[in-house]
Every structure is written in C-alpha cells, then in structure tokens.
C-alpha cells in the first residue's frame, strides 16, 4: 500500500472498524473461542505440538492482516469508482 493508503487504513481501523464489527461480533467471538481452545489443546499436548500452535497462531494473524488490507483496498477502490461515476 502507498503511505497515504496505509495512513487511511490505520485511521479506519482505529475509528470505524469496531463499529462495523458489531454486526458480526457474536459469530466472531464464537469462532475465536474455537480457535483459542484448539491452540490451548496443542499447547497442552507439549512438543512438537506447542511449537505448532505458535506457528498456527502467527499464520492466522498474518492471514487476517492480509485479508483486512485487501478488503480495505477493495472498499477504497469501490468508493473511488463510484465518485467518478
């Protein structure tokens, strides 16, 4: 992303994302519980599973970040396209 897009993305995350998350908050929390439980099970199983849990959590966080950025840029593109129409 360009520096301007990055700044706009950060602003939206800090000021608007939480309001839009409210629509799906319960589903989000339910899925988060399932993932947290699975990671705890891996951690409690000891090695090599505990290390796997850390890698899975890191990967899930990275994927979420990439998805959020892609959705943001898609929305930004749509807004720009509509403003030109």
PDB file of N, CA and C in Angstrom:
ATOM      1  N   UNK A   1       0.841  -1.177   0.000  1.00  0.00           N
ATOM      2  CA  UNK A   1       0.000   0.000   0.000  1.00  0.00           C
ATOM      3  C   UNK A   1       0.886   1.240   0.000  1.00  0.00           C
ATOM      4  N   UNK A   2       0.355   2.292  -0.550  1.00  0.00           N
ATOM      5  CA  UNK A   2       1.087   3.555  -0.517  1.00  0.00           C
ATOM      6  C   UNK A   2       1.035   4.117   0.909  1.00  0.00           C
ATOM      7  N   UNK A   3       1.919   5.060   1.242  1.00  0.00           N
ATOM      8  CA  UNK A   3       1.872   5.658   2.580  1.00  0.00           C
ATOM      9  C   UNK A   3       0.512   6.299   2.893  1.00  0.00           C
ATOM     10  N   UNK A   4      -0.105   6.928   1.890  1.00  0.00           N
ATOM     11  CA  UNK A   4      -1.423   7.530   2.095  1.00  0.00           C
ATOM     12  C   UNK A   4      -2.461   6.452   2.406  1.00  0.00           C
ATOM     13  N   UNK A   5      -2.448   5.360   1.637  1.00  0.00           N
ATOM     14  CA  UNK A   5      -3.392   4.269   1.875  1.00  0.00           C
ATOM     15  C   UNK A   5      -3.162   3.650   3.250  1.00  0.00           C
ATOM     16  N   UNK A   6      -1.910   3.517   3.630  1.00  0.00           N
ATOM     17  CA  UNK A   6      -1.569   2.967   4.948  1.00  0.00           C
ATOM     18  C   UNK A   6      -2.117   3.854   6.062  1.00  0.00           C
ATOM     19  N   UNK A   7      -1.962   5.169   5.920  1.00  0.00           N
ATOM     20  CA  UNK A   7      -2.478   6.106   6.924  1.00  0.00           C
ATOM     21  C   UNK A   7      -4.001   6.054   6.993  1.00  0.00           C
ATOM     22  N   UNK A   8      -4.643   5.979   5.847  1.00  0.00           N
ATOM     23  CA  UNK A   8      -6.102   5.888   5.792  1.00  0.00           C
ATOM     24  C   UNK A   8      -6.583   4.572   6.403  1.00  0.00           C
ATOM     25  N   UNK A   9      -5.886   3.491   6.110  1.00  0.00           N
ATOM     26  CA  UNK A   9      -6.201   2.180   6.673  1.00  0.00           C
ATOM     27  C   UNK A   9      -6.104   2.214   8.199  1.00  0.00           C
ATOM     28  N   UNK A  10      -5.009   2.766   8.722  1.00  0.00           N
ATOM     29  CA  UNK A  10      -4.828   2.866  10.174  1.00  0.00           C
ATOM     30  C   UNK A  10      -5.942   3.701  10.811  1.00  0.00           C
ATOM     31  N   UNK A  11      -6.295   4.803  10.148  1.00  0.00           N
ATOM     32  CA  UNK A  11      -7.374   5.660  10.655  1.00  0.00           C
ATOM     33  C   UNK A  11      -8.685   4.887  10.725  1.00  0.00           C
ATOM     34  N   UNK A  12      -9.003   4.150   9.666  1.00  0.00           N
ATOM     35  CA  UNK A  12     -10.252   3.376   9.644  1.00  0.00           C
ATOM     36  C   UNK A  12     -10.260   2.299  10.712  1.00  0.00           C
ATOM     37  N   UNK A  13      -9.126   1.626  10.896  1.00  0.00           N
ATOM     38  CA  UNK A  13      -9.049   0.599  11.937  1.00  0.00           C
ATOM     39  C   UNK A  13      -9.306   1.190  13.317  1.00  0.00           C
ATOM     40  N   UNK A  14      -8.742   2.358  13.568  1.00  0.00           N
ATOM     41  CA  UNK A  14      -8.858   2.984  14.878  1.00  0.00           C
ATOM     42  C   UNK A  14     -10.221   3.623  15.112  1.00  0.00           C
ATOM     43  N   UNK A  15     -10.892   4.080  14.040  1.00  0.00           N
ATOM     44  CA  UNK A  15     -12.096   4.875  14.218  1.00  0.00           C
ATOM     45  C   UNK A  15     -13.389   4.257  13.701  1.00  0.00           C
ATOM     46  N   UNK A  16     -13.332   3.288  12.769  1.00  0.00           N
ATOM     47  CA  UNK A  16     -14.564   2.775  12.191  1.00  0.00           C
ATOM     48  C   UNK A  16     -14.719   1.266  12.232  1.00  0.00           C
ATOM     49  N   UNK A  17     -13.629   0.528  12.208  1.00  0.00           N
ATOM     50  CA  UNK A  17     -13.711  -0.926  12.086  1.00  0.00           C
ATOM     51  C   UNK A  17     -14.536  -1.553  13.204  1.00  0.00           C
ATOM     52  N   UNK A  18     -14.380  -1.080  14.411  1.00  0.00           N
ATOM     53  CA  UNK A  18     -15.101  -1.655  15.549  1.00  0.00           C
ATOM     54  C   UNK A  18     -16.610  -1.513  15.382  1.00  0.00           C
ATOM     55  N   UNK A  19     -17.056  -0.395  14.839  1.00  0.00           N
ATOM     56  CA  UNK A  19     -18.495  -0.186  14.631  1.00  0.00           C
ATOM     57  C   UNK A  19     -19.049  -1.198  13.627  1.00  0.00           C
ATOM     58  N   UNK A  20     -18.291  -1.485  12.586  1.00  0.00           N
ATOM     59  CA  UNK A  20     -18.752  -2.450  11.584  1.00  0.00           C
ATOM     60  C   UNK A  20     -18.645  -3.882  12.090  1.00  0.00           C
ATOM     61  N   UNK A  21     -17.706  -4.146  12.985  1.00  0.00           N
ATOM     62  CA  UNK A  21     -17.572  -5.482  13.569  1.00  0.00           C
ATOM     63  C   UNK A  21     -18.789  -5.826  14.420  1.00  0.00           C
ATOM     64  N   UNK A  22     -19.496  -4.829  14.918  1.00  0.00           N
ATOM     65  CA  UNK A  22     -20.632  -5.067  15.798  1.00  0.00           C
ATOM     66  C   UNK A  22     -21.686  -5.944  15.136  1.00  0.00           C
ATOM     67  N   UNK A  23     -21.821  -5.866  13.833  1.00  0.00           N
ATOM     68  CA  UNK A  23     -22.822  -6.659  13.122  1.00  0.00           C
ATOM     69  C   UNK A  23     -22.568  -8.159  13.260  1.00  0.00           C
ATOM     70  N   UNK A  24     -21.300  -8.548  13.326  1.00  0.00           N
ATOM     71  CA  UNK A  24     -20.933  -9.958  13.376  1.00  0.00           C
ATOM     72  C   UNK A  24     -20.175 -10.321  14.656  1.00  0.00           C
ATOM     73  N   UNK A  25     -20.305  -9.503  15.665  1.00  0.00           N
ATOM     74  CA  UNK A  25     -19.498  -9.679  16.874  1.00  0.00           C
ATOM     75  C   UNK A  25     -19.709 -11.042  17.526  1.00  0.00           C
ATOM     76  N   UNK A  26     -20.947 -11.507  17.654  1.00  0.00           N
ATOM     77  CA  UNK A  26     -21.188 -12.780  18.322  1.00  0.00           C
ATOM     78  C   UNK A  26     -20.575 -13.944  17.538  1.00  0.00           C
ATOM     79  N   UNK A  27     -20.759 -13.948  16.233  1.00  0.00           N
ATOM     80  CA  UNK A  27     -20.160 -15.003  15.412  1.00  0.00           C
ATOM     81  C   UNK A  27     -18.637 -14.957  15.500  1.00  0.00           C
ATOM     82  N   UNK A  28     -18.079 -13.766  15.496  1.00  0.00           N
ATOM     83  CA  UNK A  28     -16.632 -13.605  15.616  1.00  0.00           C
ATOM     84  C   UNK A  28     -16.141 -14.199  16.934  1.00  0.00           C
ATOM     85  N   UNK A  29     -16.810 -13.850  18.026  1.00  0.00           N
ATOM     86  CA  UNK A  29     -16.392 -14.344  19.346  1.00  0.00           C
ATOM     87  C   UNK A  29     -16.513 -15.862  19.450  1.00  0.00           C
ATOM     88  N   UNK A  30     -17.579 -16.426  18.870  1.00  0.00           N
ATOM     89  CA  UNK A  30     -17.736 -17.884  18.900  1.00  0.00           C
ATOM     90  C   UNK A  30     -16.593 -18.575  18.167  1.00  0.00           C
ATOM     91  N   UNK A  31     -16.237 -18.055  17.015  1.00  0.00           N
ATOM     92  CA  UNK A  31     -15.141 -18.641  16.252  1.00  0.00           C
ATOM     93  C   UNK A  31     -13.795 -18.425  16.942  1.00  0.00           C
ATOM     94  N   UNK A  32     -13.648 -17.282  17.573  1.00  0.00           N
ATOM     95  CA  UNK A  32     -12.413 -17.020  18.301  1.00  0.00           C
ATOM     96  C   UNK A  32     -12.249 -18.016  19.451  1.00  0.00           C
ATOM     97  N   UNK A  33     -13.355 -18.337  20.142  1.00  0.00           N
ATOM     98  CA  UNK A  33     -13.303 -19.314  21.229  1.00  0.00           C
ATOM     99  C   UNK A  33     -12.844 -20.679  20.720  1.00  0.00           C
ATOM    100  N   UNK A  34     -13.369 -21.087  19.566  1.00  0.00           N
ATOM    101  CA  UNK A  34     -12.999 -22.385  18.992  1.00  0.00           C
ATOM    102  C   UNK A  34     -11.508 -22.413  18.666  1.00  0.00           C
ATOM    103  N   UNK A  35     -11.009 -21.352  18.056  1.00  0.00           N
ATOM    104  CA  UNK A  35      -9.598 -21.289  17.690  1.00  0.00           C
ATOM    105  C   UNK A  35      -8.730 -21.269  18.942  1.00  0.00           C
ATOM    106  N   UNK A  36      -9.101 -20.461  19.927  1.00  0.00           N
ATOM    107  CA  UNK A  36      -8.321 -20.393  21.171  1.00  0.00           C
ATOM    108  C   UNK A  36      -8.283 -21.753  21.867  1.00  0.00           C
ATOM    109  N   UNK A  37      -9.422 -22.444  21.894  1.00  0.00           N
ATOM    110  CA  UNK A  37      -9.481 -23.763  22.514  1.00  0.00           C
ATOM    111  C   UNK A  37      -8.543 -24.729  21.800  1.00  0.00           C
ATOM    112  N   UNK A  38      -8.574 -24.715  20.465  1.00  0.00           N
ATOM    113  CA  UNK A  38      -7.710 -25.616  19.690  1.00  0.00           C
ATOM    114  C   UNK A  38      -6.236 -25.309  19.947  1.00  0.00           C
ATOM    115  N   UNK A  39      -5.884 -24.024  20.003  1.00  0.00           N
ATOM    116  CA  UNK A  39      -4.496 -23.654  20.274  1.00  0.00           C
ATOM    117  C   UNK A  39      -4.075 -24.077  21.682  1.00  0.00           C
ATOM    118  N   UNK A  40      -4.979 -23.935  22.642  1.00  0.00           N
ATOM    119  CA  UNK A  40      -4.670 -24.378  24.005  1.00  0.00           C
ATOM    120  C   UNK A  40      -4.432 -25.886  24.049  1.00  0.00           C
ATOM    121  N   UNK A  41      -5.239 -26.642  23.303  1.00  0.00           N
ATOM    122  CA  UNK A  41      -5.071 -28.088  23.258  1.00  0.00           C
ATOM    123  C   UNK A  41      -3.705 -28.458  22.684  1.00  0.00           C
ATOM    124  N   UNK A  42      -3.305 -27.754  21.634  1.00  0.00           N
ATOM    125  CA  UNK A  42      -1.985 -28.007  21.053  1.00  0.00           C
ATOM    126  C   UNK A  42      -0.876 -27.666  22.044  1.00  0.00           C
ATOM    127  N   UNK A  43      -1.017 -26.539  22.728  1.00  0.00           N
ATOM    128  CA  UNK A  43      -0.005 -26.134  23.715  1.00  0.00           C
ATOM    129  C   UNK A  43       0.096 -27.137  24.858  1.00  0.00           C
ATOM    130  N   UNK A  44      -1.044 -27.619  25.323  1.00  0.00           N
ATOM    131  CA  UNK A  44      -1.054 -28.567  26.433  1.00  0.00           C
ATOM    132  C   UNK A  44      -0.499 -29.929  26.030  1.00  0.00           C
ATOM    133  N   UNK A  45      -0.529 -30.239  24.751  1.00  0.00           N
ATOM    134  CA  UNK A  45      -0.035 -31.532  24.275  1.00  0.00           C
ATOM    135  C   UNK A  45       1.488 -31.600  24.323  1.00  0.00           C
ATOM    136  N   UNK A  46       2.132 -30.480  24.541  1.00  0.00           N
ATOM    137  CA  UNK A  46       3.596 -30.457  24.609  1.00  0.00           C
ATOM    138  C   UNK A  46       4.218 -30.468  23.219  1.00  0.00           C
ATOM    139  N   UNK A  47       5.540 -30.622  23.212  1.00  0.00           N
ATOM    140  CA  UNK A  47       6.261 -30.608  21.934  1.00  0.00           C
ATOM    141  C   UNK A  47       6.013 -31.894  21.172  1.00  0.00           C
ATOM    142  N   UNK A  48       5.946 -31.839  19.872  1.00  0.00           N
ATOM    143  CA  UNK A  48       6.170 -30.695  18.980  1.00  0.00           C
ATOM    144  C   UNK A  48       4.923 -29.852  18.756  1.00  0.00           C
ATOM    145  N   UNK A  49       3.816 -30.232  19.405  1.00  0.00           N
ATOM    146  CA  UNK A  49       2.550 -29.552  19.142  1.00  0.00           C
ATOM    147  C   UNK A  49       2.507 -28.125  19.664  1.00  0.00           C
ATOM    148  N   UNK A  50       3.163 -27.845  20.762  1.00  0.00           N
ATOM    149  CA  UNK A  50       3.151 -26.486  21.303  1.00  0.00           C
ATOM    150  C   UNK A  50       3.791 -25.508  20.317  1.00  0.00           C
ATOM    151  N   UNK A  51       4.888 -25.920  19.695  1.00  0.00           N
ATOM    152  CA  UNK A  51       5.517 -25.072  18.681  1.00  0.00           C
ATOM    153  C   UNK A  51       4.613 -24.885  17.476  1.00  0.00           C
ATOM    154  N   UNK A  52       3.890 -25.937  17.146  1.00  0.00           N
ATOM    155  CA  UNK A  52       2.940 -25.852  16.034  1.00  0.00           C
ATOM    156  C   UNK A  52       1.843 -24.841  16.354  1.00  0.00           C
ATOM    157  N   UNK A  53       1.375 -24.820  17.598  1.00  0.00           N
ATOM    158  CA  UNK A  53       0.338 -23.867  17.996  1.00  0.00           C
ATOM    159  C   UNK A  53       0.810 -22.432  17.781  1.00  0.00           C
ATOM    160  N   UNK A  54       2.056 -22.151  18.136  1.00  0.00           N
ATOM    161  CA  UNK A  54       2.598 -20.804  17.933  1.00  0.00           C
ATOM    162  C   UNK A  54       2.641 -20.442  16.457  1.00  0.00           C
ATOM    163  N   UNK A  55       3.051 -21.387  15.626  1.00  0.00           N
ATOM    164  CA  UNK A  55       3.125 -21.121  14.187  1.00  0.00           C
ATOM    165  C   UNK A  55       1.737 -20.940  13.579  1.00  0.00           C
ATOM    166  N   UNK A  56       0.775 -21.728  14.042  1.00  0.00           N
ATOM    167  CA  UNK A  56      -0.600 -21.591  13.548  1.00  0.00           C
ATOM    168  C   UNK A  56      -1.152 -20.224  13.934  1.00  0.00           C
ATOM    169  N   UNK A  57      -0.944 -19.829  15.182  1.00  0.00           N
ATOM    170  CA  UNK A  57      -1.447 -18.531  15.627  1.00  0.00           C
ATOM    171  C   UNK A  57      -0.807 -17.390  14.826  1.00  0.00           C
ATOM    172  N   UNK A  58       0.477 -17.475  14.610  1.00  0.00           N
ATOM    173  CA  UNK A  58       1.172 -16.454  13.819  1.00  0.00           C
ATOM    174  C   UNK A  58       0.595 -16.411  12.404  1.00  0.00           C
ATOM    175  N   UNK A  59       0.413 -17.581  11.809  1.00  0.00           N
ATOM    176  CA  UNK A  59      -0.129 -17.651  10.450  1.00  0.00           C
ATOM    177  C   UNK A  59      -1.539 -17.104  10.358  1.00  0.00           C
ATOM    178  N   UNK A  60      -2.373 -17.414  11.337  1.00  0.00           N
ATOM    179  CA  UNK A  60      -3.743 -16.897  11.341  1.00  0.00           C
ATOM    180  C   UNK A  60      -3.750 -15.379  11.457  1.00  0.00           C
ATOM    181  N   UNK A  61      -2.891 -14.837  12.305  1.00  0.00           N
ATOM    182  CA  UNK A  61      -2.803 -13.375  12.448  1.00  0.00           C
ATOM    183  C   UNK A  61      -2.319 -12.723  11.159  1.00  0.00           C
ATOM    184  N   UNK A  62      -1.330 -13.324  10.518  1.00  0.00           N
ATOM    185  CA  UNK A  62      -0.820 -12.775   9.254  1.00  0.00           C
ATOM    186  C   UNK A  62      -1.900 -12.820   8.182  1.00  0.00           C
ATOM    187  N   UNK A  63      -2.622 -13.939   8.107  1.00  0.00           N
ATOM    188  CA  UNK A  63      -3.693 -14.054   7.121  1.00  0.00           C
ATOM    189  C   UNK A  63      -4.788 -13.022   7.360  1.00  0.00           C
ATOM    190  N   UNK A  64      -5.142 -12.805   8.617  1.00  0.00           N
ATOM    191  CA  UNK A  64      -6.171 -11.826   8.945  1.00  0.00           C
ATOM    192  C   UNK A  64      -5.737 -10.424   8.521  1.00  0.00           C
ATOM    193  N   UNK A  65      -4.489 -10.103   8.772  1.00  0.00           N
ATOM    194  CA  UNK A  65      -3.972  -8.793   8.389  1.00  0.00           C
ATOM    195  C   UNK A  65      -4.033  -8.608   6.876  1.00  0.00           C
ATOM    196  N   UNK A  66      -3.622  -9.628   6.134  1.00  0.00           N
ATOM    197  CA  UNK A  66      -3.655  -9.559   4.669  1.00  0.00           C
ATOM    198  C   UNK A  66      -5.091  -9.404   4.174  1.00  0.00           C
ATOM    199  N   UNK A  67      -6.025 -10.159   4.763  1.00  0.00           N
ATOM    200  CA  UNK A  67      -7.427 -10.063   4.364  1.00  0.00           C
ATOM    201  C   UNK A  67      -7.994  -8.674   4.667  1.00  0.00           C
ATOM    202  N   UNK A  68      -7.664  -8.136   5.822  1.00  0.00           N
ATOM    203  CA  UNK A  68      -8.165  -6.805   6.183  1.00  0.00           C
ATOM    204  C   UNK A  68      -7.657  -5.749   5.216  1.00  0.00           C
ATOM    205  N   UNK A  69      -6.398  -5.832   4.873  1.00  0.00           N
ATOM    206  CA  UNK A  69      -5.831  -4.863   3.927  1.00  0.00           C
ATOM    207  C   UNK A  69      -6.488  -4.996   2.551  1.00  0.00           C
ATOM    208  N   UNK A  70      -6.710  -6.217   2.113  1.00  0.00           N
ATOM    209  CA  UNK A  70      -7.345  -6.438   0.809  1.00  0.00           C
ATOM    210  C   UNK A  70      -8.777  -5.901   0.803  1.00  0.00           C
ATOM    211  N   UNK A  71      -9.514  -6.145   1.886  1.00  0.00           N
ATOM    212  CA  UNK A  71     -10.887  -5.636   1.963  1.00  0.00           C
ATOM    213  C   UNK A  71     -10.899  -4.112   1.995  1.00  0.00           C
ATOM    214  N   UNK A  72      -9.973  -3.537   2.730  1.00  0.00           N
ATOM    215  CA  UNK A  72      -9.888  -2.085   2.795  1.00  0.00           C
ATOM    216  C   UNK A  72      -9.617  -1.500   1.412  1.00  0.00           C
ATOM    217  N   UNK A  73      -8.622  -2.057   0.713  1.00  0.00           N
ATOM    218  CA  UNK A  73      -8.294  -1.547  -0.611  1.00  0.00           C
ATOM    219  C   UNK A  73      -9.438  -1.757  -1.599  1.00  0.00           C
ATOM    220  N   UNK A  74     -10.164  -2.854  -1.463  1.00  0.00           N
ATOM    221  CA  UNK A  74     -11.332  -3.084  -2.320  1.00  0.00           C
ATOM    222  C   UNK A  74     -12.398  -2.031  -2.072  1.00  0.00           C
ATOM    223  N   UNK A  75     -12.659  -1.747  -0.804  1.00  0.00           N
ATOM    224  CA  UNK A  75     -13.639  -0.717  -0.470  1.00  0.00           C
ATOM    225  C   UNK A  75     -13.205   0.661  -0.934  1.00  0.00           C
ATOM    226  N   UNK A  76     -11.927   0.953  -0.788  1.00  0.00           N
ATOM    227  CA  UNK A  76     -11.395   2.232  -1.244  1.00  0.00           C
ATOM    228  C   UNK A  76     -11.538   2.356  -2.760  1.00  0.00           C
ATOM    229  N   UNK A  77     -11.227   1.282  -3.466  1.00  0.00           N
ATOM    230  CA  UNK A  77     -11.359   1.283  -4.926  1.00  0.00           C
ATOM    231  C   UNK A  77     -12.816   1.496  -5.325  1.00  0.00           C
ATOM    232  N   UNK A  78     -13.734   0.803  -4.654  1.00  0.00           N
ATOM    233  CA  UNK A  78     -15.165   0.946  -4.978  1.00  0.00           C
ATOM    234  C   UNK A  78     -15.621   2.376  -4.740  1.00  0.00           C
ATOM    235  N   UNK A  79     -15.188   2.967  -3.630  1.00  0.00           N
ATOM    236  CA  UNK A  79     -15.564   4.352  -3.340  1.00  0.00           C
ATOM    237  C   UNK A  79     -15.031   5.319  -4.385  1.00  0.00           C
ATOM    238  N   UNK A  80     -13.803   5.093  -4.809  1.00  0.00           N
ATOM    239  CA  UNK A  80     -13.227   5.947  -5.852  1.00  0.00           C
ATOM    240  C   UNK A  80     -13.951   5.765  -7.177  1.00  0.00           C
ATOM    241  N   UNK A  81     -14.310   4.542  -7.513  1.00  0.00           N
ATOM    242  CA  UNK A  81     -15.018   4.278  -8.757  1.00  0.00           C
ATOM    243  C   UNK A  81     -16.393   4.936  -8.735  1.00  0.00           C
ATOM    244  N   UNK A  82     -17.080   4.855  -7.617  1.00  0.00           N
ATOM    245  CA  UNK A  82     -18.393   5.479  -7.506  1.00  0.00           C
ATOM    246  C   UNK A  82     -18.322   6.995  -7.570  1.00  0.00           C
ATOM    247  N   UNK A  83     -17.260   7.570  -7.035  1.00  0.00           N
ATOM    248  CA  UNK A  83     -17.139   9.030  -7.061  1.00  0.00           C
ATOM    249  C   UNK A  83     -16.872   9.533  -8.474  1.00  0.00           C
ATOM    250  N   UNK A  84     -16.343   8.677  -9.344  1.00  0.00           N
ATOM    251  CA  UNK A  84     -16.089   9.078 -10.733  1.00  0.00           C
ATOM    252  C   UNK A  84     -17.304   8.850 -11.617  1.00  0.00           C
ATOM    253  N   UNK A  85     -18.258   8.061 -11.155  1.00  0.00           N
ATOM    254  CA  UNK A  85     -19.431   7.709 -11.979  1.00  0.00           C
ATOM    255  C   UNK A  85     -20.426   8.843 -12.046  1.00  0.00           C
TER     256      UNK A  85
END
